[in-house]
């Protein structure tokens, strides 16, 4: 049994990058939603903050669904193919 180190490093790198992107998008969504709170330090209007929050969460949802679709396709191909 041999290990394909190139493929392993590629998967690890993509996993790390996607994790960082998802965490950053959720953090930006939280910042956007926090603009709805009344405070003098808010750089966004409440409407813009809400829009940014929902947009970031929509992108995160698409990323997660894409990953689940890849896994489901492979599992179904293994089971029925």
PDB file of N, CA and C in Angstrom:
ATOM      1  N   UNK A   1       0.851  -1.177   0.000  1.00  0.00           N
ATOM      2  CA  UNK A   1       0.000   0.000   0.000  1.00  0.00           C
ATOM      3  C   UNK A   1       0.890   1.231   0.000  1.00  0.00           C
ATOM      4  N   UNK A   2       0.627   2.121  -0.923  1.00  0.00           N
ATOM      5  CA  UNK A   2       1.394   3.360  -0.995  1.00  0.00           C
ATOM      6  C   UNK A   2       0.456   4.537  -0.794  1.00  0.00           C
ATOM      7  N   UNK A   3       1.033   5.595  -0.350  1.00  0.00           N
ATOM      8  CA  UNK A   3       0.273   6.825  -0.111  1.00  0.00           C
ATOM      9  C   UNK A   3       0.610   7.810  -1.213  1.00  0.00           C
ATOM     10  N   UNK A   4      -0.414   8.342  -1.843  1.00  0.00           N
ATOM     11  CA  UNK A   4      -0.229   9.379  -2.844  1.00  0.00           C
ATOM     12  C   UNK A   4      -0.131  10.713  -2.103  1.00  0.00           C
ATOM     13  N   UNK A   5       1.102  11.120  -1.793  1.00  0.00           N
ATOM     14  CA  UNK A   5       1.320  12.298  -0.968  1.00  0.00           C
ATOM     15  C   UNK A   5       0.839  13.577  -1.641  1.00  0.00           C
ATOM     16  N   UNK A   6       0.953  13.632  -2.951  1.00  0.00           N
ATOM     17  CA  UNK A   6       0.486  14.816  -3.657  1.00  0.00           C
ATOM     18  C   UNK A   6      -1.012  15.019  -3.500  1.00  0.00           C
ATOM     19  N   UNK A   7      -1.766  13.922  -3.654  1.00  0.00           N
ATOM     20  CA  UNK A   7      -3.218  14.002  -3.501  1.00  0.00           C
ATOM     21  C   UNK A   7      -3.594  14.308  -2.049  1.00  0.00           C
ATOM     22  N   UNK A   8      -2.870  13.703  -1.119  1.00  0.00           N
ATOM     23  CA  UNK A   8      -3.150  13.956   0.297  1.00  0.00           C
ATOM     24  C   UNK A   8      -2.914  15.416   0.651  1.00  0.00           C
ATOM     25  N   UNK A   9      -1.817  15.989   0.182  1.00  0.00           N
ATOM     26  CA  UNK A   9      -1.529  17.399   0.450  1.00  0.00           C
ATOM     27  C   UNK A   9      -2.539  18.310  -0.235  1.00  0.00           C
ATOM     28  N   UNK A  10      -2.979  17.930  -1.431  1.00  0.00           N
ATOM     29  CA  UNK A  10      -3.982  18.723  -2.134  1.00  0.00           C
ATOM     30  C   UNK A  10      -5.301  18.746  -1.365  1.00  0.00           C
ATOM     31  N   UNK A  11      -5.741  17.591  -0.901  1.00  0.00           N
ATOM     32  CA  UNK A  11      -6.985  17.517  -0.132  1.00  0.00           C
ATOM     33  C   UNK A  11      -6.855  18.290   1.173  1.00  0.00           C
ATOM     34  N   UNK A  12      -5.726  18.163   1.845  1.00  0.00           N
ATOM     35  CA  UNK A  12      -5.522  18.897   3.101  1.00  0.00           C
ATOM     36  C   UNK A  12      -5.513  20.397   2.865  1.00  0.00           C
ATOM     37  N   UNK A  13      -4.872  20.842   1.795  1.00  0.00           N
ATOM     38  CA  UNK A  13      -4.820  22.270   1.496  1.00  0.00           C
ATOM     39  C   UNK A  13      -6.183  22.839   1.142  1.00  0.00           C
ATOM     40  N   UNK A  14      -6.940  22.118   0.322  1.00  0.00           N
ATOM     41  CA  UNK A  14      -8.280  22.588  -0.050  1.00  0.00           C
ATOM     42  C   UNK A  14      -9.193  22.592   1.169  1.00  0.00           C
ATOM     43  N   UNK A  15      -9.091  21.576   2.003  1.00  0.00           N
ATOM     44  CA  UNK A  15      -9.908  21.528   3.221  1.00  0.00           C
ATOM     45  C   UNK A  15      -9.594  22.701   4.139  1.00  0.00           C
ATOM     46  N   UNK A  16      -8.320  23.001   4.307  1.00  0.00           N
ATOM     47  CA  UNK A  16      -7.930  24.128   5.145  1.00  0.00           C
ATOM     48  C   UNK A  16      -8.438  25.447   4.567  1.00  0.00           C
ATOM     49  N   UNK A  17      -8.291  25.628   3.265  1.00  0.00           N
ATOM     50  CA  UNK A  17      -8.731  26.872   2.624  1.00  0.00           C
ATOM     51  C   UNK A  17     -10.243  27.056   2.734  1.00  0.00           C
ATOM     52  N   UNK A  18     -10.994  25.998   2.484  1.00  0.00           N
ATOM     53  CA  UNK A  18     -12.457  26.104   2.565  1.00  0.00           C
ATOM     54  C   UNK A  18     -12.896  26.355   4.001  1.00  0.00           C
ATOM     55  N   UNK A  19     -12.226  25.746   4.956  1.00  0.00           N
ATOM     56  CA  UNK A  19     -12.551  25.987   6.367  1.00  0.00           C
ATOM     57  C   UNK A  19     -12.330  27.440   6.738  1.00  0.00           C
ATOM     58  N   UNK A  20     -11.213  27.997   6.316  1.00  0.00           N
ATOM     59  CA  UNK A  20     -10.921  29.408   6.616  1.00  0.00           C
ATOM     60  C   UNK A  20     -11.955  30.315   5.951  1.00  0.00           C
ATOM     61  N   UNK A  21     -12.333  30.002   4.715  1.00  0.00           N
ATOM     62  CA  UNK A  21     -13.309  30.825   4.002  1.00  0.00           C
ATOM     63  C   UNK A  21     -14.672  30.760   4.697  1.00  0.00           C
ATOM     64  N   UNK A  22     -15.114  29.577   5.091  1.00  0.00           N
ATOM     65  CA  UNK A  22     -16.414  29.448   5.751  1.00  0.00           C
ATOM     66  C   UNK A  22     -16.421  30.176   7.091  1.00  0.00           C
ATOM     67  N   UNK A  23     -15.361  30.032   7.861  1.00  0.00           N
ATOM     68  CA  UNK A  23     -15.293  30.720   9.159  1.00  0.00           C
ATOM     69  C   UNK A  23     -15.278  32.230   8.963  1.00  0.00           C
ATOM     70  N   UNK A  24     -14.536  32.725   7.972  1.00  0.00           N
ATOM     71  CA  UNK A  24     -14.503  34.161   7.709  1.00  0.00           C
ATOM     72  C   UNK A  24     -15.870  34.679   7.262  1.00  0.00           C
ATOM     73  N   UNK A  25     -16.555  33.921   6.418  1.00  0.00           N
ATOM     74  CA  UNK A  25     -17.882  34.357   5.966  1.00  0.00           C
ATOM     75  C   UNK A  25     -18.889  34.386   7.114  1.00  0.00           C
ATOM     76  N   UNK A  26     -18.832  33.420   8.007  1.00  0.00           N
ATOM     77  CA  UNK A  26     -19.735  33.433   9.165  1.00  0.00           C
ATOM     78  C   UNK A  26     -19.396  34.616  10.078  1.00  0.00           C
ATOM     79  N   UNK A  27     -18.112  34.906  10.228  1.00  0.00           N
ATOM     80  CA  UNK A  27     -17.723  36.059  11.045  1.00  0.00           C
ATOM     81  C   UNK A  27     -18.213  37.364  10.414  1.00  0.00           C
ATOM     82  N   UNK A  28     -18.086  37.497   9.091  1.00  0.00           N
ATOM     83  CA  UNK A  28     -18.598  38.691   8.414  1.00  0.00           C
ATOM     84  C   UNK A  28     -20.113  38.787   8.542  1.00  0.00           C
ATOM     85  N   UNK A  29     -20.806  37.659   8.500  1.00  0.00           N
ATOM     86  CA  UNK A  29     -22.254  37.671   8.685  1.00  0.00           C
ATOM     87  C   UNK A  29     -22.613  38.173  10.076  1.00  0.00           C
ATOM     88  N   UNK A  30     -21.853  37.744  11.071  1.00  0.00           N
ATOM     89  CA  UNK A  30     -22.125  38.199  12.439  1.00  0.00           C
ATOM     90  C   UNK A  30     -21.877  39.698  12.573  1.00  0.00           C
ATOM     91  N   UNK A  31     -20.831  40.184  11.921  1.00  0.00           N
ATOM     92  CA  UNK A  31     -20.565  41.622  11.946  1.00  0.00           C
ATOM     93  C   UNK A  31     -21.695  42.373  11.245  1.00  0.00           C
ATOM     94  N   UNK A  32     -22.152  41.834  10.117  1.00  0.00           N
ATOM     95  CA  UNK A  32     -23.251  42.478   9.412  1.00  0.00           C
ATOM     96  C   UNK A  32     -24.519  42.521  10.240  1.00  0.00           C
ATOM     97  N   UNK A  33     -24.856  41.403  10.867  1.00  0.00           N
ATOM     98  CA  UNK A  33     -26.070  41.376  11.690  1.00  0.00           C
ATOM     99  C   UNK A  33     -25.932  42.251  12.931  1.00  0.00           C
ATOM    100  N   UNK A  34     -24.721  42.442  13.412  1.00  0.00           N
ATOM    101  CA  UNK A  34     -24.541  43.292  14.598  1.00  0.00           C
ATOM    102  C   UNK A  34     -24.775  44.761  14.273  1.00  0.00           C
ATOM    103  N   UNK A  35     -24.800  45.119  12.992  1.00  0.00           N
ATOM    104  CA  UNK A  35     -25.073  46.509  12.616  1.00  0.00           C
ATOM    105  C   UNK A  35     -26.515  46.888  12.918  1.00  0.00           C
ATOM    106  N   UNK A  36     -27.373  45.892  13.129  1.00  0.00           N
ATOM    107  CA  UNK A  36     -28.768  46.193  13.460  1.00  0.00           C
ATOM    108  C   UNK A  36     -28.913  46.713  14.882  1.00  0.00           C
ATOM    109  N   UNK A  37     -27.939  46.441  15.726  1.00  0.00           N
ATOM    110  CA  UNK A  37     -27.972  46.956  17.093  1.00  0.00           C
ATOM    111  C   UNK A  37     -27.703  48.452  17.063  1.00  0.00           C
ATOM    112  N   UNK A  38     -28.376  49.189  17.907  1.00  0.00           N
ATOM    113  CA  UNK A  38     -28.157  50.636  17.936  1.00  0.00           C
ATOM    114  C   UNK A  38     -26.876  50.932  18.703  1.00  0.00           C
ATOM    115  N   UNK A  39     -25.947  51.537  18.013  1.00  0.00           N
ATOM    116  CA  UNK A  39     -24.675  51.873  18.639  1.00  0.00           C
ATOM    117  C   UNK A  39     -23.934  52.895  17.797  1.00  0.00           C
ATOM    118  N   UNK A  40     -23.125  53.713  18.426  1.00  0.00           N
ATOM    119  CA  UNK A  40     -22.425  54.755  17.675  1.00  0.00           C
ATOM    120  C   UNK A  40     -21.262  54.228  16.830  1.00  0.00           C
ATOM    121  N   UNK A  41     -20.802  53.016  17.071  1.00  0.00           N
ATOM    122  CA  UNK A  41     -19.622  52.502  16.384  1.00  0.00           C
ATOM    123  C   UNK A  41     -19.946  51.742  15.096  1.00  0.00           C
ATOM    124  N   UNK A  42     -21.199  51.630  14.732  1.00  0.00           N
ATOM    125  CA  UNK A  42     -21.579  50.838  13.573  1.00  0.00           C
ATOM    126  C   UNK A  42     -21.196  51.551  12.283  1.00  0.00           C
ATOM    127  N   UNK A  43     -20.447  50.863  11.424  1.00  0.00           N
ATOM    128  CA  UNK A  43     -20.028  51.448  10.149  1.00  0.00           C
ATOM    129  C   UNK A  43     -21.059  51.207   9.058  1.00  0.00           C
ATOM    130  N   UNK A  44     -21.968  50.270   9.285  1.00  0.00           N
ATOM    131  CA  UNK A  44     -22.992  49.934   8.298  1.00  0.00           C
ATOM    132  C   UNK A  44     -24.363  50.364   8.785  1.00  0.00           C
ATOM    133  N   UNK A  45     -25.220  50.695   7.847  1.00  0.00           N
ATOM    134  CA  UNK A  45     -26.608  50.935   8.222  1.00  0.00           C
ATOM    135  C   UNK A  45     -27.248  49.594   8.555  1.00  0.00           C
ATOM    136  N   UNK A  46     -28.333  49.613   9.303  1.00  0.00           N
ATOM    137  CA  UNK A  46     -28.975  48.328   9.638  1.00  0.00           C
ATOM    138  C   UNK A  46     -29.403  47.532   8.408  1.00  0.00           C
ATOM    139  N   UNK A  47     -29.888  48.199   7.379  1.00  0.00           N
ATOM    140  CA  UNK A  47     -30.308  47.482   6.168  1.00  0.00           C
ATOM    141  C   UNK A  47     -29.112  46.871   5.443  1.00  0.00           C
ATOM    142  N   UNK A  48     -28.025  47.622   5.327  1.00  0.00           N
ATOM    143  CA  UNK A  48     -26.830  47.104   4.660  1.00  0.00           C
ATOM    144  C   UNK A  48     -26.213  45.967   5.465  1.00  0.00           C
ATOM    145  N   UNK A  49     -26.208  46.104   6.778  1.00  0.00           N
ATOM    146  CA  UNK A  49     -25.665  45.041   7.628  1.00  0.00           C
ATOM    147  C   UNK A  49     -26.461  43.756   7.506  1.00  0.00           C
ATOM    148  N   UNK A  50     -27.777  43.891   7.459  1.00  0.00           N
ATOM    149  CA  UNK A  50     -28.620  42.714   7.293  1.00  0.00           C
ATOM    150  C   UNK A  50     -28.392  42.067   5.932  1.00  0.00           C
ATOM    151  N   UNK A  51     -28.266  42.885   4.897  1.00  0.00           N
ATOM    152  CA  UNK A  51     -28.025  42.356   3.552  1.00  0.00           C
ATOM    153  C   UNK A  51     -26.680  41.630   3.488  1.00  0.00           C
ATOM    154  N   UNK A  52     -25.658  42.211   4.097  1.00  0.00           N
ATOM    155  CA  UNK A  52     -24.333  41.572   4.123  1.00  0.00           C
ATOM    156  C   UNK A  52     -24.401  40.260   4.892  1.00  0.00           C
ATOM    157  N   UNK A  53     -25.095  40.256   6.013  1.00  0.00           N
ATOM    158  CA  UNK A  53     -25.224  39.042   6.811  1.00  0.00           C
ATOM    159  C   UNK A  53     -25.906  37.921   6.047  1.00  0.00           C
ATOM    160  N   UNK A  54     -27.024  38.241   5.405  1.00  0.00           N
ATOM    161  CA  UNK A  54     -27.732  37.209   4.643  1.00  0.00           C
ATOM    162  C   UNK A  54     -26.937  36.752   3.421  1.00  0.00           C
ATOM    163  N   UNK A  55     -26.231  37.661   2.777  1.00  0.00           N
ATOM    164  CA  UNK A  55     -25.424  37.275   1.618  1.00  0.00           C
ATOM    165  C   UNK A  55     -24.293  36.323   2.027  1.00  0.00           C
ATOM    166  N   UNK A  56     -23.626  36.634   3.137  1.00  0.00           N
ATOM    167  CA  UNK A  56     -22.554  35.758   3.609  1.00  0.00           C
ATOM    168  C   UNK A  56     -23.087  34.386   3.992  1.00  0.00           C
ATOM    169  N   UNK A  57     -24.221  34.345   4.666  1.00  0.00           N
ATOM    170  CA  UNK A  57     -24.795  33.058   5.048  1.00  0.00           C
ATOM    171  C   UNK A  57     -25.284  32.277   3.830  1.00  0.00           C
ATOM    172  N   UNK A  58     -25.742  32.976   2.794  1.00  0.00           N
ATOM    173  CA  UNK A  58     -26.153  32.295   1.571  1.00  0.00           C
ATOM    174  C   UNK A  58     -24.959  31.639   0.889  1.00  0.00           C
ATOM    175  N   UNK A  59     -23.819  32.333   0.863  1.00  0.00           N
ATOM    176  CA  UNK A  59     -22.615  31.758   0.264  1.00  0.00           C
ATOM    177  C   UNK A  59     -22.139  30.547   1.069  1.00  0.00           C
ATOM    178  N   UNK A  60     -22.182  30.651   2.389  1.00  0.00           N
ATOM    179  CA  UNK A  60     -21.803  29.515   3.238  1.00  0.00           C
ATOM    180  C   UNK A  60     -22.727  28.327   2.972  1.00  0.00           C
ATOM    181  N   UNK A  61     -24.020  28.587   2.830  1.00  0.00           N
ATOM    182  CA  UNK A  61     -24.969  27.510   2.539  1.00  0.00           C
ATOM    183  C   UNK A  61     -24.643  26.838   1.215  1.00  0.00           C
ATOM    184  N   UNK A  62     -24.310  27.630   0.201  1.00  0.00           N
ATOM    185  CA  UNK A  62     -23.952  27.057  -1.096  1.00  0.00           C
ATOM    186  C   UNK A  62     -22.690  26.207  -1.012  1.00  0.00           C
ATOM    187  N   UNK A  63     -21.704  26.659  -0.257  1.00  0.00           N
ATOM    188  CA  UNK A  63     -20.463  25.895  -0.099  1.00  0.00           C
ATOM    189  C   UNK A  63     -20.745  24.557   0.582  1.00  0.00           C
ATOM    190  N   UNK A  64     -21.546  24.589   1.640  1.00  0.00           N
ATOM    191  CA  UNK A  64     -21.858  23.360   2.370  1.00  0.00           C
ATOM    192  C   UNK A  64     -22.665  22.405   1.496  1.00  0.00           C
ATOM    193  N   UNK A  65     -23.654  22.927   0.778  1.00  0.00           N
ATOM    194  CA  UNK A  65     -24.456  22.068  -0.091  1.00  0.00           C
ATOM    195  C   UNK A  65     -23.631  21.490  -1.234  1.00  0.00           C
ATOM    196  N   UNK A  66     -22.684  22.249  -1.746  1.00  0.00           N
ATOM    197  CA  UNK A  66     -21.803  21.735  -2.787  1.00  0.00           C
ATOM    198  C   UNK A  66     -20.978  20.561  -2.264  1.00  0.00           C
ATOM    199  N   UNK A  67     -20.420  20.718  -1.071  1.00  0.00           N
ATOM    200  CA  UNK A  67     -19.641  19.635  -0.467  1.00  0.00           C
ATOM    201  C   UNK A  67     -20.487  18.404  -0.192  1.00  0.00           C
ATOM    202  N   UNK A  68     -21.694  18.611   0.317  1.00  0.00           N
ATOM    203  CA  UNK A  68     -22.586  17.473   0.558  1.00  0.00           C
ATOM    204  C   UNK A  68     -22.992  16.802  -0.750  1.00  0.00           C
ATOM    205  N   UNK A  69     -23.166  17.582  -1.797  1.00  0.00           N
ATOM    206  CA  UNK A  69     -23.503  17.013  -3.097  1.00  0.00           C
ATOM    207  C   UNK A  69     -22.387  16.139  -3.641  1.00  0.00           C
ATOM    208  N   UNK A  70     -21.156  16.565  -3.466  1.00  0.00           N
ATOM    209  CA  UNK A  70     -20.018  15.753  -3.908  1.00  0.00           C
ATOM    210  C   UNK A  70     -19.974  14.430  -3.154  1.00  0.00           C
ATOM    211  N   UNK A  71     -20.149  14.497  -1.836  1.00  0.00           N
ATOM    212  CA  UNK A  71     -20.118  13.283  -1.029  1.00  0.00           C
ATOM    213  C   UNK A  71     -21.288  12.371  -1.386  1.00  0.00           C
ATOM    214  N   UNK A  72     -22.485  12.930  -1.521  1.00  0.00           N
ATOM    215  CA  UNK A  72     -23.659  12.119  -1.824  1.00  0.00           C
ATOM    216  C   UNK A  72     -23.534  11.458  -3.188  1.00  0.00           C
ATOM    217  N   UNK A  73     -22.989  12.190  -4.166  1.00  0.00           N
ATOM    218  CA  UNK A  73     -22.820  11.615  -5.494  1.00  0.00           C
ATOM    219  C   UNK A  73     -21.880  10.416  -5.448  1.00  0.00           C
ATOM    220  N   UNK A  74     -20.788  10.541  -4.725  1.00  0.00           N
ATOM    221  CA  UNK A  74     -19.838   9.433  -4.627  1.00  0.00           C
ATOM    222  C   UNK A  74     -20.417   8.249  -3.865  1.00  0.00           C
ATOM    223  N   UNK A  75     -21.151   8.521  -2.805  1.00  0.00           N
ATOM    224  CA  UNK A  75     -21.743   7.440  -2.029  1.00  0.00           C
ATOM    225  C   UNK A  75     -22.794   6.707  -2.866  1.00  0.00           C
ATOM    226  N   UNK A  76     -23.641   7.455  -3.558  1.00  0.00           N
ATOM    227  CA  UNK A  76     -24.668   6.828  -4.384  1.00  0.00           C
ATOM    228  C   UNK A  76     -24.053   6.058  -5.537  1.00  0.00           C
ATOM    229  N   UNK A  77     -22.980   6.575  -6.120  1.00  0.00           N
ATOM    230  CA  UNK A  77     -22.308   5.855  -7.202  1.00  0.00           C
ATOM    231  C   UNK A  77     -21.693   4.559  -6.686  1.00  0.00           C
ATOM    232  N   UNK A  78     -21.185   4.579  -5.471  1.00  0.00           N
ATOM    233  CA  UNK A  78     -20.604   3.370  -4.880  1.00  0.00           C
ATOM    234  C   UNK A  78     -21.683   2.344  -4.546  1.00  0.00           C
ATOM    235  N   UNK A  79     -22.813   2.817  -4.052  1.00  0.00           N
ATOM    236  CA  UNK A  79     -23.868   1.893  -3.662  1.00  0.00           C
ATOM    237  C   UNK A  79     -24.613   1.304  -4.847  1.00  0.00           C
ATOM    238  N   UNK A  80     -24.899   2.131  -5.859  1.00  0.00           N
ATOM    239  CA  UNK A  80     -25.758   1.680  -6.949  1.00  0.00           C
ATOM    240  C   UNK A  80     -25.040   1.580  -8.287  1.00  0.00           C
ATOM    241  N   UNK A  81     -23.787   1.942  -8.320  1.00  0.00           N
ATOM    242  CA  UNK A  81     -23.124   1.998  -9.605  1.00  0.00           C
ATOM    243  C   UNK A  81     -22.224   0.913  -9.901  1.00  0.00           C
TER     244      UNK A  81
END
